[in-house]
């Protein structure tokens, strides 16, 4: 691949991009991606830990939620079976 660039003297100069240039560019992109990943790694770990903790707390709270729903369902014998408390 030939890149043509303008030189201040007014001449055009061709620069050949060989395999070493391409490996250098690819290596730079890989290094930049790895650096960004390492910078955001603590936030990704925190997100995973918080999701796991939320799931665990939901599993622990599930029996209590079922119990509260059963206790709440036992109302007065004359109350309507619907869940709404509005009349009519």
PDB file of N, CA and C in Angstrom:
ATOM      1  N   UNK A   1       0.854  -1.177   0.000  1.00  0.00           N
ATOM      2  CA  UNK A   1       0.000   0.000   0.000  1.00  0.00           C
ATOM      3  C   UNK A   1       0.893   1.231   0.000  1.00  0.00           C
ATOM      4  N   UNK A   2       0.629   2.137  -0.829  1.00  0.00           N
ATOM      5  CA  UNK A   2       1.427   3.347  -0.941  1.00  0.00           C
ATOM      6  C   UNK A   2       0.617   4.526  -0.434  1.00  0.00           C
ATOM      7  N   UNK A   3       1.211   5.270   0.466  1.00  0.00           N
ATOM      8  CA  UNK A   3       0.582   6.474   0.988  1.00  0.00           C
ATOM      9  C   UNK A   3       1.360   7.652   0.434  1.00  0.00           C
ATOM     10  N   UNK A   4       0.681   8.572  -0.219  1.00  0.00           N
ATOM     11  CA  UNK A   4       1.325   9.743  -0.804  1.00  0.00           C
ATOM     12  C   UNK A   4       1.101  10.916   0.135  1.00  0.00           C
ATOM     13  N   UNK A   5       2.184  11.554   0.524  1.00  0.00           N
ATOM     14  CA  UNK A   5       2.060  12.685   1.441  1.00  0.00           C
ATOM     15  C   UNK A   5       2.782  13.889   0.859  1.00  0.00           C
ATOM     16  N   UNK A   6       2.303  15.064   1.214  1.00  0.00           N
ATOM     17  CA  UNK A   6       2.906  16.306   0.720  1.00  0.00           C
ATOM     18  C   UNK A   6       4.049  16.708   1.639  1.00  0.00           C
ATOM     19  N   UNK A   7       5.141  17.053   1.041  1.00  0.00           N
ATOM     20  CA  UNK A   7       6.310  17.506   1.786  1.00  0.00           C
ATOM     21  C   UNK A   7       6.335  19.028   1.689  1.00  0.00           C
ATOM     22  N   UNK A   8       6.789  19.751   2.721  1.00  0.00           N
ATOM     23  CA  UNK A   8       6.779  21.217   2.665  1.00  0.00           C
ATOM     24  C   UNK A   8       7.485  21.800   1.441  1.00  0.00           C
ATOM     25  N   UNK A   9       8.410  21.102   0.814  1.00  0.00           N
ATOM     26  CA  UNK A   9       9.096  21.619  -0.357  1.00  0.00           C
ATOM     27  C   UNK A   9       8.242  21.607  -1.610  1.00  0.00           C
ATOM     28  N   UNK A  10       7.053  21.087  -1.550  1.00  0.00           N
ATOM     29  CA  UNK A  10       6.164  21.064  -2.694  1.00  0.00           C
ATOM     30  C   UNK A  10       6.195  19.748  -3.459  1.00  0.00           C
ATOM     31  N   UNK A  11       7.079  18.843  -3.093  1.00  0.00           N
ATOM     32  CA  UNK A  11       7.138  17.553  -3.783  1.00  0.00           C
ATOM     33  C   UNK A  11       6.221  16.547  -3.093  1.00  0.00           C
ATOM     34  N   UNK A  12       5.801  15.570  -3.834  1.00  0.00           N
ATOM     35  CA  UNK A  12       5.025  14.479  -3.270  1.00  0.00           C
ATOM     36  C   UNK A  12       5.964  13.304  -3.014  1.00  0.00           C
ATOM     37  N   UNK A  13       5.792  12.684  -1.850  1.00  0.00           N
ATOM     38  CA  UNK A  13       6.685  11.600  -1.485  1.00  0.00           C
ATOM     39  C   UNK A  13       5.851  10.361  -1.175  1.00  0.00           C
ATOM     40  N   UNK A  14       6.184   9.240  -1.763  1.00  0.00           N
ATOM     41  CA  UNK A  14       5.448   8.005  -1.513  1.00  0.00           C
ATOM     42  C   UNK A  14       6.080   7.222  -0.377  1.00  0.00           C
ATOM     43  N   UNK A  15       5.252   6.697   0.510  1.00  0.00           N
ATOM     44  CA  UNK A  15       5.718   5.880   1.632  1.00  0.00           C
ATOM     45  C   UNK A  15       5.078   4.513   1.503  1.00  0.00           C
ATOM     46  N   UNK A  16       5.893   3.486   1.454  1.00  0.00           N
ATOM     47  CA  UNK A  16       5.364   2.125   1.346  1.00  0.00           C
ATOM     48  C   UNK A  16       5.017   1.603   2.734  1.00  0.00           C
ATOM     49  N   UNK A  17       3.812   1.048   2.870  1.00  0.00           N
ATOM     50  CA  UNK A  17       3.406   0.423   4.125  1.00  0.00           C
ATOM     51  C   UNK A  17       3.551  -1.081   3.955  1.00  0.00           C
ATOM     52  N   UNK A  18       4.528  -1.634   4.595  1.00  0.00           N
ATOM     53  CA  UNK A  18       4.749  -3.070   4.458  1.00  0.00           C
ATOM     54  C   UNK A  18       4.108  -3.804   5.636  1.00  0.00           C
ATOM     55  N   UNK A  19       4.459  -5.072   5.784  1.00  0.00           N
ATOM     56  CA  UNK A  19       3.841  -5.912   6.813  1.00  0.00           C
ATOM     57  C   UNK A  19       4.181  -5.431   8.217  1.00  0.00           C
ATOM     58  N   UNK A  20       5.351  -4.872   8.400  1.00  0.00           N
ATOM     59  CA  UNK A  20       5.722  -4.395   9.730  1.00  0.00           C
ATOM     60  C   UNK A  20       4.834  -3.233  10.171  1.00  0.00           C
ATOM     61  N   UNK A  21       4.506  -2.350   9.243  1.00  0.00           N
ATOM     62  CA  UNK A  21       3.598  -1.252   9.570  1.00  0.00           C
ATOM     63  C   UNK A  21       2.236  -1.793   9.986  1.00  0.00           C
ATOM     64  N   UNK A  22       1.758  -2.759   9.214  1.00  0.00           N
ATOM     65  CA  UNK A  22       0.429  -3.303   9.514  1.00  0.00           C
ATOM     66  C   UNK A  22       0.417  -4.029  10.856  1.00  0.00           C
ATOM     67  N   UNK A  23       1.477  -4.789  11.129  1.00  0.00           N
ATOM     68  CA  UNK A  23       1.564  -5.470  12.423  1.00  0.00           C
ATOM     69  C   UNK A  23       1.632  -4.434  13.544  1.00  0.00           C
ATOM     70  N   UNK A  24       2.337  -3.342  13.307  1.00  0.00           N
ATOM     71  CA  UNK A  24       2.410  -2.286  14.308  1.00  0.00           C
ATOM     72  C   UNK A  24       1.064  -1.642  14.577  1.00  0.00           C
ATOM     73  N   UNK A  25       0.313  -1.359  13.507  1.00  0.00           N
ATOM     74  CA  UNK A  25      -1.025  -0.781  13.683  1.00  0.00           C
ATOM     75  C   UNK A  25      -1.963  -1.749  14.397  1.00  0.00           C
ATOM     76  N   UNK A  26      -1.951  -3.005  13.983  1.00  0.00           N
ATOM     77  CA  UNK A  26      -2.813  -4.007  14.632  1.00  0.00           C
ATOM     78  C   UNK A  26      -2.412  -4.177  16.091  1.00  0.00           C
ATOM     79  N   UNK A  27      -1.107  -4.215  16.338  1.00  0.00           N
ATOM     80  CA  UNK A  27      -0.649  -4.329  17.726  1.00  0.00           C
ATOM     81  C   UNK A  27      -1.076  -3.142  18.568  1.00  0.00           C
ATOM     82  N   UNK A  28      -1.052  -1.961  17.979  1.00  0.00           N
ATOM     83  CA  UNK A  28      -1.505  -0.779  18.714  1.00  0.00           C
ATOM     84  C   UNK A  28      -2.985  -0.834  19.052  1.00  0.00           C
ATOM     85  N   UNK A  29      -3.802  -1.291  18.097  1.00  0.00           N
ATOM     86  CA  UNK A  29      -5.237  -1.428  18.367  1.00  0.00           C
ATOM     87  C   UNK A  29      -5.504  -2.481  19.437  1.00  0.00           C
ATOM     88  N   UNK A  30      -4.788  -3.593  19.382  1.00  0.00           N
ATOM     89  CA  UNK A  30      -4.957  -4.643  20.392  1.00  0.00           C
ATOM     90  C   UNK A  30      -4.530  -4.136  21.764  1.00  0.00           C
ATOM     91  N   UNK A  31      -3.418  -3.405  21.807  1.00  0.00           N
ATOM     92  CA  UNK A  31      -2.958  -2.857  23.083  1.00  0.00           C
ATOM     93  C   UNK A  31      -3.961  -1.842  23.636  1.00  0.00           C
ATOM     94  N   UNK A  32      -4.541  -1.022  22.767  1.00  0.00           N
ATOM     95  CA  UNK A  32      -5.537  -0.045  23.227  1.00  0.00           C
ATOM     96  C   UNK A  32      -6.789  -0.751  23.747  1.00  0.00           C
ATOM     97  N   UNK A  33      -7.226  -1.789  23.037  1.00  0.00           N
ATOM     98  CA  UNK A  33      -8.416  -2.531  23.487  1.00  0.00           C
ATOM     99  C   UNK A  33      -8.148  -3.228  24.821  1.00  0.00           C
ATOM    100  N   UNK A  34      -6.963  -3.806  24.982  1.00  0.00           N
ATOM    101  CA  UNK A  34      -6.624  -4.474  26.242  1.00  0.00           C
ATOM    102  C   UNK A  34      -6.546  -3.465  27.387  1.00  0.00           C
ATOM    103  N   UNK A  35      -6.018  -2.293  27.122  1.00  0.00           N
ATOM    104  CA  UNK A  35      -5.929  -1.264  28.157  1.00  0.00           C
ATOM    105  C   UNK A  35      -7.311  -0.786  28.587  1.00  0.00           C
ATOM    106  N   UNK A  36      -8.191  -0.565  27.634  1.00  0.00           N
ATOM    107  CA  UNK A  36      -9.552  -0.146  27.973  1.00  0.00           C
ATOM    108  C   UNK A  36     -10.260  -1.241  28.766  1.00  0.00           C
ATOM    109  N   UNK A  37     -10.074  -2.491  28.359  1.00  0.00           N
ATOM    110  CA  UNK A  37     -10.689  -3.604  29.102  1.00  0.00           C
ATOM    111  C   UNK A  37     -10.162  -3.652  30.528  1.00  0.00           C
ATOM    112  N   UNK A  38      -8.859  -3.499  30.707  1.00  0.00           N
ATOM    113  CA  UNK A  38      -8.292  -3.542  32.056  1.00  0.00           C
ATOM    114  C   UNK A  38      -8.744  -2.353  32.891  1.00  0.00           C
ATOM    115  N   UNK A  39      -8.943  -1.199  32.267  1.00  0.00           N
ATOM    116  CA  UNK A  39      -9.430  -0.042  33.013  1.00  0.00           C
ATOM    117  C   UNK A  39     -10.865  -0.248  33.499  1.00  0.00           C
ATOM    118  N   UNK A  40     -11.689  -0.903  32.685  1.00  0.00           N
ATOM    119  CA  UNK A  40     -13.091  -1.109  33.051  1.00  0.00           C
ATOM    120  C   UNK A  40     -13.327  -2.424  33.785  1.00  0.00           C
ATOM    121  N   UNK A  41     -12.299  -3.234  33.983  1.00  0.00           N
ATOM    122  CA  UNK A  41     -12.468  -4.530  34.627  1.00  0.00           C
ATOM    123  C   UNK A  41     -13.044  -4.426  36.046  1.00  0.00           C
ATOM    124  N   UNK A  42     -12.601  -3.495  36.897  1.00  0.00           N
ATOM    125  CA  UNK A  42     -13.223  -3.411  38.230  1.00  0.00           C
ATOM    126  C   UNK A  42     -14.724  -3.126  38.180  1.00  0.00           C
ATOM    127  N   UNK A  43     -15.148  -2.297  37.230  1.00  0.00           N
ATOM    128  CA  UNK A  43     -16.579  -1.997  37.118  1.00  0.00           C
ATOM    129  C   UNK A  43     -17.354  -3.219  36.626  1.00  0.00           C
ATOM    130  N   UNK A  44     -16.758  -3.987  35.724  1.00  0.00           N
ATOM    131  CA  UNK A  44     -17.418  -5.204  35.248  1.00  0.00           C
ATOM    132  C   UNK A  44     -17.528  -6.227  36.363  1.00  0.00           C
ATOM    133  N   UNK A  45     -16.485  -6.367  37.169  1.00  0.00           N
ATOM    134  CA  UNK A  45     -16.534  -7.300  38.300  1.00  0.00           C
ATOM    135  C   UNK A  45     -17.583  -6.843  39.307  1.00  0.00           C
ATOM    136  N   UNK A  46     -17.634  -5.550  39.584  1.00  0.00           N
ATOM    137  CA  UNK A  46     -18.643  -5.028  40.515  1.00  0.00           C
ATOM    138  C   UNK A  46     -20.053  -5.281  40.000  1.00  0.00           C
ATOM    139  N   UNK A  47     -20.272  -5.095  38.707  1.00  0.00           N
ATOM    140  CA  UNK A  47     -21.593  -5.340  38.133  1.00  0.00           C
ATOM    141  C   UNK A  47     -21.993  -6.812  38.282  1.00  0.00           C
ATOM    142  N   UNK A  48     -21.075  -7.718  38.015  1.00  0.00           N
ATOM    143  CA  UNK A  48     -21.380  -9.149  38.145  1.00  0.00           C
ATOM    144  C   UNK A  48     -21.656  -9.515  39.600  1.00  0.00           C
ATOM    145  N   UNK A  49     -20.864  -8.970  40.525  1.00  0.00           N
ATOM    146  CA  UNK A  49     -21.077  -9.267  41.949  1.00  0.00           C
ATOM    147  C   UNK A  49     -22.424  -8.728  42.413  1.00  0.00           C
ATOM    148  N   UNK A  50     -22.793  -7.527  41.978  1.00  0.00           N
ATOM    149  CA  UNK A  50     -24.089  -6.966  42.375  1.00  0.00           C
ATOM    150  C   UNK A  50     -25.251  -7.765  41.795  1.00  0.00           C
ATOM    151  N   UNK A  51     -25.114  -8.232  40.558  1.00  0.00           N
ATOM    152  CA  UNK A  51     -26.169  -9.067  39.983  1.00  0.00           C
ATOM    153  C   UNK A  51     -26.310 -10.387  40.724  1.00  0.00           C
ATOM    154  N   UNK A  52     -25.196 -10.998  41.087  1.00  0.00           N
ATOM    155  CA  UNK A  52     -25.252 -12.246  41.856  1.00  0.00           C
ATOM    156  C   UNK A  52     -25.861 -12.017  43.242  1.00  0.00           C
ATOM    157  N   UNK A  53     -25.491 -10.909  43.885  1.00  0.00           N
ATOM    158  CA  UNK A  53     -26.052 -10.607  45.207  1.00  0.00           C
ATOM    159  C   UNK A  53     -27.554 -10.348  45.119  1.00  0.00           C
ATOM    160  N   UNK A  54     -27.992  -9.654  44.080  1.00  0.00           N
ATOM    161  CA  UNK A  54     -29.426  -9.400  43.921  1.00  0.00           C
ATOM    162  C   UNK A  54     -30.191 -10.705  43.698  1.00  0.00           C
ATOM    163  N   UNK A  55     -29.642 -11.589  42.895  1.00  0.00           N
ATOM    164  CA  UNK A  55     -30.291 -12.884  42.689  1.00  0.00           C
ATOM    165  C   UNK A  55     -30.349 -13.703  43.955  1.00  0.00           C
ATOM    166  N   UNK A  56     -29.263 -13.695  44.734  1.00  0.00           N
ATOM    167  CA  UNK A  56     -29.249 -14.441  45.996  1.00  0.00           C
ATOM    168  C   UNK A  56     -30.257 -13.869  46.985  1.00  0.00           C
ATOM    169  N   UNK A  57     -30.311 -12.534  47.090  1.00  0.00           N
ATOM    170  CA  UNK A  57     -31.284 -11.932  48.006  1.00  0.00           C
ATOM    171  C   UNK A  57     -32.721 -12.204  47.573  1.00  0.00           C
ATOM    172  N   UNK A  58     -32.944 -12.255  46.264  1.00  0.00           N
ATOM    173  CA  UNK A  58     -34.294 -12.572  45.789  1.00  0.00           C
ATOM    174  C   UNK A  58     -34.673 -14.008  46.149  1.00  0.00           C
ATOM    175  N   UNK A  59     -33.718 -14.923  46.044  1.00  0.00           N
ATOM    176  CA  UNK A  59     -33.999 -16.308  46.433  1.00  0.00           C
ATOM    177  C   UNK A  59     -34.250 -16.428  47.930  1.00  0.00           C
ATOM    178  N   UNK A  60     -33.523 -15.665  48.743  1.00  0.00           N
ATOM    179  CA  UNK A  60     -33.720 -15.705  50.192  1.00  0.00           C
ATOM    180  C   UNK A  60     -35.070 -15.096  50.558  1.00  0.00           C
ATOM    181  N   UNK A  61     -35.482 -14.042  49.864  1.00  0.00           N
ATOM    182  CA  UNK A  61     -36.729 -13.351  50.196  1.00  0.00           C
ATOM    183  C   UNK A  61     -37.965 -14.052  49.640  1.00  0.00           C
ATOM    184  N   UNK A  62     -37.801 -14.981  48.720  1.00  0.00           N
ATOM    185  CA  UNK A  62     -38.952 -15.618  48.076  1.00  0.00           C
ATOM    186  C   UNK A  62     -39.901 -16.304  49.060  1.00  0.00           C
ATOM    187  N   UNK A  63     -39.440 -17.093  50.036  1.00  0.00           N
ATOM    188  CA  UNK A  63     -40.404 -17.695  50.986  1.00  0.00           C
ATOM    189  C   UNK A  63     -41.189 -16.654  51.779  1.00  0.00           C
ATOM    190  N   UNK A  64     -40.545 -15.556  52.141  1.00  0.00           N
ATOM    191  CA  UNK A  64     -41.256 -14.518  52.889  1.00  0.00           C
ATOM    192  C   UNK A  64     -42.302 -13.822  52.022  1.00  0.00           C
ATOM    193  N   UNK A  65     -42.006 -13.625  50.749  1.00  0.00           N
ATOM    194  CA  UNK A  65     -42.984 -13.021  49.851  1.00  0.00           C
ATOM    195  C   UNK A  65     -44.212 -13.920  49.696  1.00  0.00           C
ATOM    196  N   UNK A  66     -43.972 -15.217  49.573  1.00  0.00           N
ATOM    197  CA  UNK A  66     -45.098 -16.157  49.470  1.00  0.00           C
ATOM    198  C   UNK A  66     -45.911 -16.140  50.758  1.00  0.00           C
ATOM    199  N   UNK A  67     -45.244 -16.105  51.901  1.00  0.00           N
ATOM    200  CA  UNK A  67     -45.943 -16.067  53.189  1.00  0.00           C
ATOM    201  C   UNK A  67     -46.786 -14.803  53.319  1.00  0.00           C
ATOM    202  N   UNK A  68     -46.231 -13.652  52.950  1.00  0.00           N
ATOM    203  CA  UNK A  68     -46.985 -12.400  53.050  1.00  0.00           C
ATOM    204  C   UNK A  68     -48.191 -12.408  52.112  1.00  0.00           C
ATOM    205  N   UNK A  69     -48.037 -12.977  50.935  1.00  0.00           N
ATOM    206  CA  UNK A  69     -49.180 -13.041  50.016  1.00  0.00           C
ATOM    207  C   UNK A  69     -50.284 -13.928  50.582  1.00  0.00           C
ATOM    208  N   UNK A  70     -49.902 -15.016  51.211  1.00  0.00           N
ATOM    209  CA  UNK A  70     -50.930 -15.896  51.803  1.00  0.00           C
ATOM    210  C   UNK A  70     -51.616 -15.228  52.983  1.00  0.00           C
ATOM    211  N   UNK A  71     -50.841 -14.561  53.826  1.00  0.00           N
ATOM    212  CA  UNK A  71     -51.438 -13.886  54.978  1.00  0.00           C
ATOM    213  C   UNK A  71     -52.304 -12.714  54.549  1.00  0.00           C
ATOM    214  N   UNK A  72     -51.914 -12.032  53.510  1.00  0.00           N
ATOM    215  CA  UNK A  72     -52.688 -10.899  53.019  1.00  0.00           C
ATOM    216  C   UNK A  72     -53.988 -11.357  52.377  1.00  0.00           C
ATOM    217  N   UNK A  73     -53.976 -12.526  51.793  1.00  0.00           N
ATOM    218  CA  UNK A  73     -55.167 -13.049  51.148  1.00  0.00           C
ATOM    219  C   UNK A  73     -56.259 -13.434  52.129  1.00  0.00           C
ATOM    220  N   UNK A  74     -55.894 -13.663  53.375  1.00  0.00           N
ATOM    221  CA  UNK A  74     -56.898 -14.018  54.394  1.00  0.00           C
ATOM    222  C   UNK A  74     -57.531 -12.753  54.951  1.00  0.00           C
ATOM    223  N   UNK A  75     -58.537 -12.281  54.297  1.00  0.00           N
ATOM    224  CA  UNK A  75     -59.205 -11.054  54.741  1.00  0.00           C
ATOM    225  C   UNK A  75     -60.475 -11.397  55.518  1.00  0.00           C
ATOM    226  N   UNK A  76     -61.354 -10.455  55.551  1.00  0.00           N
ATOM    227  CA  UNK A  76     -62.642 -10.687  56.202  1.00  0.00           C
ATOM    228  C   UNK A  76     -63.451 -11.650  55.348  1.00  0.00           C
ATOM    229  N   UNK A  77     -64.354 -12.429  55.976  1.00  0.00           N
ATOM    230  CA  UNK A  77     -65.113 -13.388  55.179  1.00  0.00           C
ATOM    231  C   UNK A  77     -66.042 -12.734  54.169  1.00  0.00           C
ATOM    232  N   UNK A  78     -66.504 -11.510  54.401  1.00  0.00           N
ATOM    233  CA  UNK A  78     -67.427 -10.854  53.499  1.00  0.00           C
ATOM    234  C   UNK A  78     -66.745 -10.006  52.437  1.00  0.00           C
ATOM    235  N   UNK A  79     -65.423 -10.004  52.399  1.00  0.00           N
ATOM    236  CA  UNK A  79     -64.739  -9.126  51.462  1.00  0.00           C
ATOM    237  C   UNK A  79     -64.801  -9.716  50.049  1.00  0.00           C
ATOM    238  N   UNK A  80     -64.835  -8.867  49.034  1.00  0.00           N
ATOM    239  CA  UNK A  80     -64.900  -9.387  47.679  1.00  0.00           C
ATOM    240  C   UNK A  80     -63.599 -10.114  47.303  1.00  0.00           C
ATOM    241  N   UNK A  81     -63.673 -11.111  46.444  1.00  0.00           N
ATOM    242  CA  UNK A  81     -62.477 -11.870  46.116  1.00  0.00           C
ATOM    243  C   UNK A  81     -61.478 -11.099  45.248  1.00  0.00           C
ATOM    244  N   UNK A  82     -61.909  -9.999  44.649  1.00  0.00           N
ATOM    245  CA  UNK A  82     -60.990  -9.222  43.802  1.00  0.00           C
ATOM    246  C   UNK A  82     -59.931  -8.522  44.611  1.00  0.00           C
ATOM    247  N   UNK A  83     -58.834  -8.166  43.972  1.00  0.00           N
ATOM    248  CA  UNK A  83     -57.742  -7.521  44.669  1.00  0.00           C
ATOM    249  C   UNK A  83     -57.932  -6.025  44.846  1.00  0.00           C
ATOM    250  N   UNK A  84     -58.988  -5.438  44.296  1.00  0.00           N
ATOM    251  CA  UNK A  84     -59.174  -3.995  44.372  1.00  0.00           C
ATOM    252  C   UNK A  84     -59.901  -3.615  45.640  1.00  0.00           C
ATOM    253  N   UNK A  85     -59.497  -2.529  46.251  1.00  0.00           N
ATOM    254  CA  UNK A  85     -60.165  -2.042  47.462  1.00  0.00           C
ATOM    255  C   UNK A  85     -61.153  -0.927  47.143  1.00  0.00           C
ATOM    256  N   UNK A  86     -61.224  -0.525  45.874  1.00  0.00           N
ATOM    257  CA  UNK A  86     -62.172   0.510  45.496  1.00  0.00           C
ATOM    258  C   UNK A  86     -63.590  -0.070  45.420  1.00  0.00           C
ATOM    259  N   UNK A  87     -64.593   0.673  45.891  1.00  0.00           N
ATOM    260  CA  UNK A  87     -65.953   0.150  45.808  1.00  0.00           C
ATOM    261  C   UNK A  87     -66.466   0.172  44.378  1.00  0.00           C
ATOM    262  N   UNK A  88     -67.343  -0.755  44.115  1.00  0.00           N
ATOM    263  CA  UNK A  88     -68.029  -0.769  42.829  1.00  0.00           C
ATOM    264  C   UNK A  88     -67.254  -1.462  41.813  1.00  0.00           C
TER     265      UNK A  88
END
